[in-house]
All heavy atoms as atom14 arrays in JSON, in Angstrom:
{
  "sequence": "NIALGLADMHGPDKLVMVGIHVLNQFAAPYNGGPPGSYQTDFRTAQGT",
  "atom14_mask": [
    [1, 1, 1, 1, 1, 1, 1, 1, 0, 0, 0, 0, 0, 0],
    [1, 1, 1, 1, 1, 1, 1, 1, 0, 0, 0, 0, 0, 0],
    [1, 1, 1, 1, 1, 0, 0, 0, 0, 0, 0, 0, 0, 0],
    [1, 1, 1, 1, 1, 1, 1, 1, 0, 0, 0, 0, 0, 0],
    [1, 1, 1, 1, 0, 0, 0, 0, 0, 0, 0, 0, 0, 0],
    [1, 1, 1, 1, 1, 1, 1, 1, 0, 0, 0, 0, 0, 0],
    [1, 1, 1, 1, 1, 0, 0, 0, 0, 0, 0, 0, 0, 0],
    [1, 1, 1, 1, 1, 1, 1, 1, 0, 0, 0, 0, 0, 0],
    [1, 1, 1, 1, 1, 1, 1, 1, 0, 0, 0, 0, 0, 0],
    [1, 1, 1, 1, 1, 1, 1, 1, 1, 1, 0, 0, 0, 0],
    [1, 1, 1, 1, 0, 0, 0, 0, 0, 0, 0, 0, 0, 0],
    [1, 1, 1, 1, 1, 1, 1, 0, 0, 0, 0, 0, 0, 0],
    [1, 1, 1, 1, 1, 1, 1, 1, 0, 0, 0, 0, 0, 0],
    [1, 1, 1, 1, 1, 1, 1, 1, 1, 0, 0, 0, 0, 0],
    [1, 1, 1, 1, 1, 1, 1, 1, 0, 0, 0, 0, 0, 0],
    [1, 1, 1, 1, 1, 1, 1, 0, 0, 0, 0, 0, 0, 0],
    [1, 1, 1, 1, 1, 1, 1, 1, 0, 0, 0, 0, 0, 0],
    [1, 1, 1, 1, 1, 1, 1, 0, 0, 0, 0, 0, 0, 0],
    [1, 1, 1, 1, 0, 0, 0, 0, 0, 0, 0, 0, 0, 0],
    [1, 1, 1, 1, 1, 1, 1, 1, 0, 0, 0, 0, 0, 0],
    [1, 1, 1, 1, 1, 1, 1, 1, 1, 1, 0, 0, 0, 0],
    [1, 1, 1, 1, 1, 1, 1, 0, 0, 0, 0, 0, 0, 0],
    [1, 1, 1, 1, 1, 1, 1, 1, 0, 0, 0, 0, 0, 0],
    [1, 1, 1, 1, 1, 1, 1, 1, 0, 0, 0, 0, 0, 0],
    [1, 1, 1, 1, 1, 1, 1, 1, 1, 0, 0, 0, 0, 0],
    [1, 1, 1, 1, 1, 1, 1, 1, 1, 1, 1, 0, 0, 0],
    [1, 1, 1, 1, 1, 0, 0, 0, 0, 0, 0, 0, 0, 0],
    [1, 1, 1, 1, 1, 0, 0, 0, 0, 0, 0, 0, 0, 0],
    [1, 1, 1, 1, 1, 1, 1, 0, 0, 0, 0, 0, 0, 0],
    [1, 1, 1, 1, 1, 1, 1, 1, 1, 1, 1, 1, 0, 0],
    [1, 1, 1, 1, 1, 1, 1, 1, 0, 0, 0, 0, 0, 0],
    [1, 1, 1, 1, 0, 0, 0, 0, 0, 0, 0, 0, 0, 0],
    [1, 1, 1, 1, 0, 0, 0, 0, 0, 0, 0, 0, 0, 0],
    [1, 1, 1, 1, 1, 1, 1, 0, 0, 0, 0, 0, 0, 0],
    [1, 1, 1, 1, 1, 1, 1, 0, 0, 0, 0, 0, 0, 0],
    [1, 1, 1, 1, 0, 0, 0, 0, 0, 0, 0, 0, 0, 0],
    [1, 1, 1, 1, 1, 1, 0, 0, 0, 0, 0, 0, 0, 0],
    [1, 1, 1, 1, 1, 1, 1, 1, 1, 1, 1, 1, 0, 0],
    [1, 1, 1, 1, 1, 1, 1, 1, 1, 0, 0, 0, 0, 0],
    [1, 1, 1, 1, 1, 1, 1, 0, 0, 0, 0, 0, 0, 0],
    [1, 1, 1, 1, 1, 1, 1, 1, 0, 0, 0, 0, 0, 0],
    [1, 1, 1, 1, 1, 1, 1, 1, 1, 1, 1, 0, 0, 0],
    [1, 1, 1, 1, 1, 1, 1, 1, 1, 1, 1, 0, 0, 0],
    [1, 1, 1, 1, 1, 1, 1, 0, 0, 0, 0, 0, 0, 0],
    [1, 1, 1, 1, 1, 0, 0, 0, 0, 0, 0, 0, 0, 0],
    [1, 1, 1, 1, 1, 1, 1, 1, 1, 0, 0, 0, 0, 0],
    [1, 1, 1, 1, 0, 0, 0, 0, 0, 0, 0, 0, 0, 0],
    [1, 1, 1, 1, 1, 1, 1, 0, 0, 0, 0, 0, 0, 0]
  ],
  "atom14_positions": [
    [[-36.73, 113.49, -167.72], [-37.39, 114.08, -166.53], [-38.7, 114.76, -166.91], [-39.69, 114.64, -166.19], [-36.45, 115.06, -165.83], [-35.34, 114.35, -165.1], [-35.45, 113.18, -164.75], [-34.25, 115.06, -164.88], [0.0, 0.0, 0.0], [0.0, 0.0, 0.0], [0.0, 0.0, 0.0], [0.0, 0.0, 0.0], [0.0, 0.0, 0.0], [0.0, 0.0, 0.0]],
    [[-38.73, 115.46, -168.03], [-39.97, 116.08, -168.49], [-41.0, 115.01, -168.83], [-42.18, 115.11, -168.45], [-39.72, 117.0, -169.7], [-38.91, 118.22, -169.27], [-41.01, 117.42, -170.36], [-38.4, 119.07, -170.41], [0.0, 0.0, 0.0], [0.0, 0.0, 0.0], [0.0, 0.0, 0.0], [0.0, 0.0, 0.0], [0.0, 0.0, 0.0], [0.0, 0.0, 0.0]],
    [[-40.56, 113.96, -169.53], [-41.48, 112.87, -169.89], [-42.05, 112.19, -168.65], [-43.24, 111.89, -168.58], [-40.77, 111.87, -170.79], [0.0, 0.0, 0.0], [0.0, 0.0, 0.0], [0.0, 0.0, 0.0], [0.0, 0.0, 0.0], [0.0, 0.0, 0.0], [0.0, 0.0, 0.0], [0.0, 0.0, 0.0], [0.0, 0.0, 0.0], [0.0, 0.0, 0.0]],
    [[-41.2, 111.94, -167.66], [-41.67, 111.32, -166.42], [-42.63, 112.23, -165.67], [-43.61, 111.76, -165.08], [-40.49, 110.93, -165.54], [-39.62, 109.79, -166.06], [-38.37, 109.64, -165.19], [-40.4, 108.5, -166.13], [0.0, 0.0, 0.0], [0.0, 0.0, 0.0], [0.0, 0.0, 0.0], [0.0, 0.0, 0.0], [0.0, 0.0, 0.0], [0.0, 0.0, 0.0]],
    [[-42.38, 113.54, -165.72], [-43.31, 114.49, -165.1], [-44.67, 114.45, -165.79], [-45.72, 114.49, -165.13], [0.0, 0.0, 0.0], [0.0, 0.0, 0.0], [0.0, 0.0, 0.0], [0.0, 0.0, 0.0], [0.0, 0.0, 0.0], [0.0, 0.0, 0.0], [0.0, 0.0, 0.0], [0.0, 0.0, 0.0], [0.0, 0.0, 0.0], [0.0, 0.0, 0.0]],
    [[-44.67, 114.37, -167.12], [-45.92, 114.25, -167.86], [-46.63, 112.95, -167.52], [-47.86, 112.91, -167.38], [-45.66, 114.33, -169.37], [-45.28, 115.69, -169.92], [-44.8, 115.57, -171.36], [-46.45, 116.64, -169.82], [0.0, 0.0, 0.0], [0.0, 0.0, 0.0], [0.0, 0.0, 0.0], [0.0, 0.0, 0.0], [0.0, 0.0, 0.0], [0.0, 0.0, 0.0]],
    [[-45.86, 111.87, -167.39], [-46.45, 110.57, -167.04], [-47.08, 110.61, -165.65], [-48.17, 110.07, -165.43], [-45.39, 109.47, -167.11], [0.0, 0.0, 0.0], [0.0, 0.0, 0.0], [0.0, 0.0, 0.0], [0.0, 0.0, 0.0], [0.0, 0.0, 0.0], [0.0, 0.0, 0.0], [0.0, 0.0, 0.0], [0.0, 0.0, 0.0], [0.0, 0.0, 0.0]],
    [[-46.4, 111.27, -164.7], [-46.97, 111.4, -163.35], [-48.23, 112.25, -163.37], [-49.19, 111.98, -162.67], [-45.95, 112.01, -162.39], [-44.83, 111.06, -162.04], [-45.01, 109.83, -162.23], [-43.78, 111.53, -161.58], [0.0, 0.0, 0.0], [0.0, 0.0, 0.0], [0.0, 0.0, 0.0], [0.0, 0.0, 0.0], [0.0, 0.0, 0.0], [0.0, 0.0, 0.0]],
    [[-48.22, 113.29, -164.2], [-49.34, 114.21, -164.26], [-50.58, 113.56, -164.88], [-51.68, 113.74, -164.4], [-48.95, 115.44, -165.08], [-49.99, 116.53, -165.13], [-49.58, 117.89, -166.24], [-47.88, 118.24, -165.84], [0.0, 0.0, 0.0], [0.0, 0.0, 0.0], [0.0, 0.0, 0.0], [0.0, 0.0, 0.0], [0.0, 0.0, 0.0], [0.0, 0.0, 0.0]],
    [[-50.37, 112.79, -165.95], [-51.5, 112.26, -166.71], [-51.81, 110.8, -166.41], [-52.92, 110.35, -166.66], [-51.27, 112.45, -168.2], [-51.15, 113.89, -168.59], [-52.24, 114.73, -168.62], [-50.09, 114.64, -168.92], [-51.85, 115.95, -168.97], [-50.54, 115.91, -169.15], [0.0, 0.0, 0.0], [0.0, 0.0, 0.0], [0.0, 0.0, 0.0], [0.0, 0.0, 0.0]],
    [[-50.85, 110.05, -165.92], [-51.07, 108.65, -165.59], [-50.95, 107.74, -166.8], [-51.04, 108.18, -167.94], [0.0, 0.0, 0.0], [0.0, 0.0, 0.0], [0.0, 0.0, 0.0], [0.0, 0.0, 0.0], [0.0, 0.0, 0.0], [0.0, 0.0, 0.0], [0.0, 0.0, 0.0], [0.0, 0.0, 0.0], [0.0, 0.0, 0.0], [0.0, 0.0, 0.0]],
    [[-50.78, 106.43, -166.55], [-50.57, 105.48, -167.64], [-51.82, 105.24, -168.49], [-51.71, 104.72, -169.59], [-50.15, 104.19, -166.91], [-50.72, 104.33, -165.55], [-50.71, 105.8, -165.24], [0.0, 0.0, 0.0], [0.0, 0.0, 0.0], [0.0, 0.0, 0.0], [0.0, 0.0, 0.0], [0.0, 0.0, 0.0], [0.0, 0.0, 0.0], [0.0, 0.0, 0.0]],
    [[-52.99, 105.64, -167.99], [-54.2, 105.46, -168.79], [-54.34, 106.56, -169.84], [-55.17, 106.46, -170.74], [-55.43, 105.41, -167.9], [-55.57, 106.63, -167.02], [-54.55, 107.22, -166.66], [-56.71, 106.99, -166.67], [0.0, 0.0, 0.0], [0.0, 0.0, 0.0], [0.0, 0.0, 0.0], [0.0, 0.0, 0.0], [0.0, 0.0, 0.0], [0.0, 0.0, 0.0]],
    [[-53.54, 107.62, -169.78], [-53.6, 108.72, -170.75], [-52.32, 108.86, -171.56], [-52.35, 109.34, -172.68], [-53.86, 110.05, -170.03], [-55.12, 110.09, -169.24], [-56.28, 110.41, -170.12], [-57.5, 110.56, -169.22], [-58.69, 110.76, -169.93], [0.0, 0.0, 0.0], [0.0, 0.0, 0.0], [0.0, 0.0, 0.0], [0.0, 0.0, 0.0], [0.0, 0.0, 0.0]],
    [[-51.17, 108.5, -170.97], [-49.89, 108.71, -171.63], [-49.08, 107.42, -171.6], [-48.83, 106.85, -170.55], [-49.1, 109.82, -170.92], [-47.72, 110.14, -171.48], [-47.84, 110.76, -172.87], [-46.97, 111.08, -170.56], [0.0, 0.0, 0.0], [0.0, 0.0, 0.0], [0.0, 0.0, 0.0], [0.0, 0.0, 0.0], [0.0, 0.0, 0.0], [0.0, 0.0, 0.0]],
    [[-48.67, 106.96, -172.77], [-47.86, 105.76, -172.9], [-46.47, 106.21, -173.36], [-46.34, 106.87, -174.39], [-48.46, 104.78, -173.93], [-47.59, 103.56, -174.1], [-49.88, 104.39, -173.52], [0.0, 0.0, 0.0], [0.0, 0.0, 0.0], [0.0, 0.0, 0.0], [0.0, 0.0, 0.0], [0.0, 0.0, 0.0], [0.0, 0.0, 0.0], [0.0, 0.0, 0.0]],
    [[-45.44, 105.88, -172.58], [-44.07, 106.28, -172.92], [-43.29, 105.08, -173.43], [-43.38, 103.99, -172.88], [-43.35, 106.84, -171.69], [-43.86, 108.17, -171.25], [-42.94, 108.94, -169.9], [-41.67, 107.84, -169.46], [0.0, 0.0, 0.0], [0.0, 0.0, 0.0], [0.0, 0.0, 0.0], [0.0, 0.0, 0.0], [0.0, 0.0, 0.0], [0.0, 0.0, 0.0]],
    [[-42.51, 105.32, -174.49], [-41.65, 104.28, -175.06], [-40.26, 104.88, -175.22], [-40.11, 105.92, -175.87], [-42.17, 103.79, -176.42], [-41.23, 102.76, -177.02], [-43.56, 103.21, -176.3], [0.0, 0.0, 0.0], [0.0, 0.0, 0.0], [0.0, 0.0, 0.0], [0.0, 0.0, 0.0], [0.0, 0.0, 0.0], [0.0, 0.0, 0.0], [0.0, 0.0, 0.0]],
    [[-39.25, 104.26, -174.62], [-37.87, 104.7, -174.78], [-37.18, 103.87, -175.83], [-37.23, 102.65, -175.79], [0.0, 0.0, 0.0], [0.0, 0.0, 0.0], [0.0, 0.0, 0.0], [0.0, 0.0, 0.0], [0.0, 0.0, 0.0], [0.0, 0.0, 0.0], [0.0, 0.0, 0.0], [0.0, 0.0, 0.0], [0.0, 0.0, 0.0], [0.0, 0.0, 0.0]],
    [[-36.55, 104.54, -176.81], [-35.9, 103.85, -177.9], [-34.45, 104.35, -177.99], [-34.23, 105.54, -178.24], [-36.62, 104.11, -179.24], [-38.1, 103.78, -179.12], [-35.98, 103.32, -180.36], [-38.93, 104.27, -180.28], [0.0, 0.0, 0.0], [0.0, 0.0, 0.0], [0.0, 0.0, 0.0], [0.0, 0.0, 0.0], [0.0, 0.0, 0.0], [0.0, 0.0, 0.0]],
    [[-33.49, 103.47, -177.75], [-32.08, 103.82, -177.9], [-31.71, 103.7, -179.37], [-31.75, 102.6, -179.93], [-31.19, 102.9, -177.08], [-31.1, 103.28, -175.64], [-32.11, 103.04, -174.75], [-30.12, 103.91, -174.96], [-31.75, 103.49, -173.56], [-30.55, 104.02, -173.66], [0.0, 0.0, 0.0], [0.0, 0.0, 0.0], [0.0, 0.0, 0.0], [0.0, 0.0, 0.0]],
    [[-31.37, 104.81, -179.99], [-31.05, 104.81, -181.41], [-29.85, 105.72, -181.68], [-29.41, 106.44, -180.8], [-32.25, 105.29, -182.27], [-33.4, 104.32, -182.19], [-32.7, 106.68, -181.85], [0.0, 0.0, 0.0], [0.0, 0.0, 0.0], [0.0, 0.0, 0.0], [0.0, 0.0, 0.0], [0.0, 0.0, 0.0], [0.0, 0.0, 0.0], [0.0, 0.0, 0.0]],
    [[-29.4, 105.68, -182.88], [-28.34, 106.52, -183.43], [-26.96, 106.15, -182.88], [-26.77, 105.98, -181.68], [-28.61, 108.01, -183.18], [-29.96, 108.54, -183.69], [-30.12, 109.98, -183.29], [-30.05, 108.37, -185.19], [0.0, 0.0, 0.0], [0.0, 0.0, 0.0], [0.0, 0.0, 0.0], [0.0, 0.0, 0.0], [0.0, 0.0, 0.0], [0.0, 0.0, 0.0]],
    [[-26.02, 106.03, -183.78], [-24.66, 105.65, -183.42], [-24.02, 106.64, -182.46], [-23.3, 106.26, -181.55], [-23.8, 105.49, -184.67], [-24.19, 104.27, -185.47], [-24.82, 103.35, -184.96], [-23.85, 104.27, -186.74], [0.0, 0.0, 0.0], [0.0, 0.0, 0.0], [0.0, 0.0, 0.0], [0.0, 0.0, 0.0], [0.0, 0.0, 0.0], [0.0, 0.0, 0.0]],
    [[-24.25, 107.95, -182.67], [-23.59, 108.94, -181.83], [-24.13, 108.98, -180.42], [-23.51, 109.57, -179.54], [-23.64, 110.32, -182.48], [-25.01, 110.92, -182.59], [-25.68, 110.66, -183.93], [-25.49, 109.6, -184.52], [-26.47, 111.6, -184.39], [0.0, 0.0, 0.0], [0.0, 0.0, 0.0], [0.0, 0.0, 0.0], [0.0, 0.0, 0.0], [0.0, 0.0, 0.0]],
    [[-25.28, 108.38, -180.14], [-25.85, 108.42, -178.79], [-25.88, 107.07, -178.09], [-25.72, 107.0, -176.89], [-27.28, 108.96, -178.84], [-27.38, 110.4, -179.23], [-28.39, 110.82, -180.05], [-26.46, 111.33, -178.78], [-28.5, 112.15, -180.42], [-26.56, 112.66, -179.14], [-27.57, 113.08, -179.97], [0.0, 0.0, 0.0], [0.0, 0.0, 0.0], [0.0, 0.0, 0.0]],
    [[-26.12, 105.98, -178.82], [-26.4, 104.71, -178.16], [-25.39, 103.6, -178.48], [-25.47, 102.54, -177.88], [-27.81, 104.23, -178.55], [0.0, 0.0, 0.0], [0.0, 0.0, 0.0], [0.0, 0.0, 0.0], [0.0, 0.0, 0.0], [0.0, 0.0, 0.0], [0.0, 0.0, 0.0], [0.0, 0.0, 0.0], [0.0, 0.0, 0.0], [0.0, 0.0, 0.0]],
    [[-24.48, 103.82, -179.39], [-23.5, 102.79, -179.73], [-22.4, 102.73, -178.66], [-22.16, 103.71, -177.96], [-22.88, 103.09, -181.09], [0.0, 0.0, 0.0], [0.0, 0.0, 0.0], [0.0, 0.0, 0.0], [0.0, 0.0, 0.0], [0.0, 0.0, 0.0], [0.0, 0.0, 0.0], [0.0, 0.0, 0.0], [0.0, 0.0, 0.0], [0.0, 0.0, 0.0]],
    [[-21.74, 101.6, -178.52], [-20.61, 101.53, -177.59], [-19.55, 102.56, -177.98], [-19.38, 102.91, -179.15], [-20.08, 100.11, -177.78], [-21.21, 99.35, -178.33], [-22.0, 100.32, -179.16], [0.0, 0.0, 0.0], [0.0, 0.0, 0.0], [0.0, 0.0, 0.0], [0.0, 0.0, 0.0], [0.0, 0.0, 0.0], [0.0, 0.0, 0.0], [0.0, 0.0, 0.0]],
    [[-18.83, 103.05, -176.99], [-17.85, 104.12, -177.21], [-16.66, 103.89, -176.29], [-16.83, 103.68, -175.1], [-18.53, 105.47, -176.91], [-17.62, 106.66, -177.04], [-17.17, 107.07, -178.28], [-17.26, 107.38, -175.92], [-16.36, 108.18, -178.4], [-16.46, 108.49, -176.02], [-16.01, 108.89, -177.27], [-15.21, 110.0, -177.38], [0.0, 0.0, 0.0], [0.0, 0.0, 0.0]],
    [[-15.48, 103.93, -176.86], [-14.27, 103.68, -176.07], [-13.54, 104.96, -175.66], [-12.48, 104.89, -175.07], [-13.3, 102.78, -176.85], [-13.86, 101.39, -177.04], [-14.53, 100.88, -176.15], [-13.63, 100.79, -178.18], [0.0, 0.0, 0.0], [0.0, 0.0, 0.0], [0.0, 0.0, 0.0], [0.0, 0.0, 0.0], [0.0, 0.0, 0.0], [0.0, 0.0, 0.0]],
    [[-14.09, 106.13, -175.96], [-13.41, 107.37, -175.68], [-13.61, 107.91, -174.27], [-13.02, 108.91, -173.91], [0.0, 0.0, 0.0], [0.0, 0.0, 0.0], [0.0, 0.0, 0.0], [0.0, 0.0, 0.0], [0.0, 0.0, 0.0], [0.0, 0.0, 0.0], [0.0, 0.0, 0.0], [0.0, 0.0, 0.0], [0.0, 0.0, 0.0], [0.0, 0.0, 0.0]],
    [[-14.44, 107.28, -173.48], [-14.73, 107.76, -172.13], [-13.85, 107.09, -171.11], [-12.85, 106.44, -171.44], [0.0, 0.0, 0.0], [0.0, 0.0, 0.0], [0.0, 0.0, 0.0], [0.0, 0.0, 0.0], [0.0, 0.0, 0.0], [0.0, 0.0, 0.0], [0.0, 0.0, 0.0], [0.0, 0.0, 0.0], [0.0, 0.0, 0.0], [0.0, 0.0, 0.0]],
    [[-14.2, 107.22, -169.85], [-13.46, 106.52, -168.79], [-13.49, 105.01, -169.02], [-14.42, 104.49, -169.63], [-14.23, 106.89, -167.52], [-15.02, 108.09, -167.86], [-15.3, 108.01, -169.32], [0.0, 0.0, 0.0], [0.0, 0.0, 0.0], [0.0, 0.0, 0.0], [0.0, 0.0, 0.0], [0.0, 0.0, 0.0], [0.0, 0.0, 0.0], [0.0, 0.0, 0.0]],
    [[-12.48, 104.28, -168.57], [-12.43, 102.83, -168.78], [-13.7, 102.15, -168.27], [-14.17, 102.43, -167.18], [-11.21, 102.38, -167.97], [-10.37, 103.6, -167.86], [-11.31, 104.77, -167.83], [0.0, 0.0, 0.0], [0.0, 0.0, 0.0], [0.0, 0.0, 0.0], [0.0, 0.0, 0.0], [0.0, 0.0, 0.0], [0.0, 0.0, 0.0], [0.0, 0.0, 0.0]],
    [[-14.26, 101.3, -169.12], [-15.45, 100.55, -168.75], [-16.77, 101.28, -168.99], [-17.82, 100.7, -168.83], [0.0, 0.0, 0.0], [0.0, 0.0, 0.0], [0.0, 0.0, 0.0], [0.0, 0.0, 0.0], [0.0, 0.0, 0.0], [0.0, 0.0, 0.0], [0.0, 0.0, 0.0], [0.0, 0.0, 0.0], [0.0, 0.0, 0.0], [0.0, 0.0, 0.0]],
    [[-16.72, 102.55, -169.38], [-17.97, 103.27, -169.61], [-18.42, 103.12, -171.06], [-17.61, 102.97, -171.97], [-17.81, 104.76, -169.26], [-16.83, 105.34, -170.1], [0.0, 0.0, 0.0], [0.0, 0.0, 0.0], [0.0, 0.0, 0.0], [0.0, 0.0, 0.0], [0.0, 0.0, 0.0], [0.0, 0.0, 0.0], [0.0, 0.0, 0.0], [0.0, 0.0, 0.0]],
    [[-19.69, 103.15, -171.27], [-20.31, 103.11, -172.6], [-19.97, 101.85, -173.39], [-19.81, 101.89, -174.59], [-19.95, 104.34, -173.43], [-20.14, 105.64, -172.72], [-19.08, 106.54, -172.56], [-21.38, 105.99, -172.2], [-19.26, 107.74, -171.91], [-21.55, 107.2, -171.54], [-20.49, 108.06, -171.4], [-20.67, 109.25, -170.76], [0.0, 0.0, 0.0], [0.0, 0.0, 0.0]],
    [[-19.84, 100.72, -172.73], [-19.5, 99.49, -173.42], [-20.72, 98.71, -173.9], [-20.6, 97.86, -174.77], [-18.65, 98.59, -172.51], [-17.34, 99.22, -172.13], [-16.49, 99.59, -173.35], [-16.26, 98.78, -174.21], [-16.08, 100.84, -173.41], [0.0, 0.0, 0.0], [0.0, 0.0, 0.0], [0.0, 0.0, 0.0], [0.0, 0.0, 0.0], [0.0, 0.0, 0.0]],
    [[-21.89, 98.98, -173.35], [-23.1, 98.24, -173.7], [-23.75, 98.85, -174.94], [-23.89, 100.06, -175.04], [-24.1, 98.26, -172.53], [-23.45, 97.76, -171.37], [-25.31, 97.41, -172.84], [0.0, 0.0, 0.0], [0.0, 0.0, 0.0], [0.0, 0.0, 0.0], [0.0, 0.0, 0.0], [0.0, 0.0, 0.0], [0.0, 0.0, 0.0], [0.0, 0.0, 0.0]],
    [[-24.12, 97.99, -175.88], [-24.8, 98.45, -177.1], [-26.31, 98.26, -176.88], [-26.82, 97.15, -176.9], [-24.34, 97.63, -178.3], [-24.83, 98.2, -179.61], [-25.63, 99.17, -179.6], [-24.43, 97.66, -180.66], [0.0, 0.0, 0.0], [0.0, 0.0, 0.0], [0.0, 0.0, 0.0], [0.0, 0.0, 0.0], [0.0, 0.0, 0.0], [0.0, 0.0, 0.0]],
    [[-27.01, 99.37, -176.65], [-28.44, 99.31, -176.39], [-29.27, 99.4, -177.68], [-30.48, 99.31, -177.63], [-28.86, 100.45, -175.46], [-28.35, 100.28, -174.06], [-27.35, 101.09, -173.56], [-28.9, 99.31, -173.24], [-26.89, 100.93, -172.28], [-28.45, 99.14, -171.94], [-27.44, 99.96, -171.46], [0.0, 0.0, 0.0], [0.0, 0.0, 0.0], [0.0, 0.0, 0.0]],
    [[-28.64, 99.6, -178.82], [-29.38, 99.72, -180.08], [-30.02, 98.39, -180.45], [-29.52, 97.33, -180.11], [-28.46, 100.18, -181.2], [-27.88, 101.56, -180.98], [-26.8, 101.86, -181.98], [-25.72, 100.87, -181.82], [-24.78, 100.64, -182.71], [-24.75, 101.32, -183.81], [-23.86, 99.74, -182.48], [0.0, 0.0, 0.0], [0.0, 0.0, 0.0], [0.0, 0.0, 0.0]],
    [[-31.12, 98.47, -181.18], [-31.78, 97.28, -181.72], [-32.04, 97.52, -183.2], [-32.11, 98.67, -183.66], [-33.13, 97.0, -181.02], [-34.01, 98.08, -181.26], [-32.94, 96.8, -179.52], [0.0, 0.0, 0.0], [0.0, 0.0, 0.0], [0.0, 0.0, 0.0], [0.0, 0.0, 0.0], [0.0, 0.0, 0.0], [0.0, 0.0, 0.0], [0.0, 0.0, 0.0]],
    [[-32.19, 96.45, -183.95], [-32.49, 96.57, -185.37], [-33.83, 97.27, -185.57], [-33.98, 98.11, -186.48], [-32.51, 95.18, -186.02], [0.0, 0.0, 0.0], [0.0, 0.0, 0.0], [0.0, 0.0, 0.0], [0.0, 0.0, 0.0], [0.0, 0.0, 0.0], [0.0, 0.0, 0.0], [0.0, 0.0, 0.0], [0.0, 0.0, 0.0], [0.0, 0.0, 0.0]],
    [[-34.8, 96.96, -184.71], [-36.12, 97.58, -184.83], [-36.04, 99.09, -184.55], [-36.66, 99.88, -185.25], [-37.12, 96.93, -183.87], [-37.4, 95.48, -184.15], [-36.38, 94.52, -183.51], [-35.37, 94.94, -182.95], [-36.64, 93.25, -183.63], [0.0, 0.0, 0.0], [0.0, 0.0, 0.0], [0.0, 0.0, 0.0], [0.0, 0.0, 0.0], [0.0, 0.0, 0.0]],
    [[-35.27, 99.47, -183.55], [-35.12, 100.89, -183.24], [-34.43, 101.65, -184.35], [-34.83, 102.76, -184.68], [0.0, 0.0, 0.0], [0.0, 0.0, 0.0], [0.0, 0.0, 0.0], [0.0, 0.0, 0.0], [0.0, 0.0, 0.0], [0.0, 0.0, 0.0], [0.0, 0.0, 0.0], [0.0, 0.0, 0.0], [0.0, 0.0, 0.0], [0.0, 0.0, 0.0]],
    [[-33.42, 101.05, -184.96], [-32.71, 101.68, -186.07], [-33.64, 101.84, -187.27], [-33.69, 102.89, -187.9], [-31.47, 100.85, -186.45], [-30.62, 100.77, -185.32], [-30.73, 101.48, -187.61], [0.0, 0.0, 0.0], [0.0, 0.0, 0.0], [0.0, 0.0, 0.0], [0.0, 0.0, 0.0], [0.0, 0.0, 0.0], [0.0, 0.0, 0.0], [0.0, 0.0, 0.0]]
  ]
}
């Protein structure tokens, strides 16, 4: 939300945002939540 606020404030000609899903504890699939949640692996080799 802060990053999007900065992007709105400065515009794409001044601020370039890149989202990178990384780290096993944040972006890896996880079976400990509600059924069907966190099943998608968004990590990439380049991001790692």
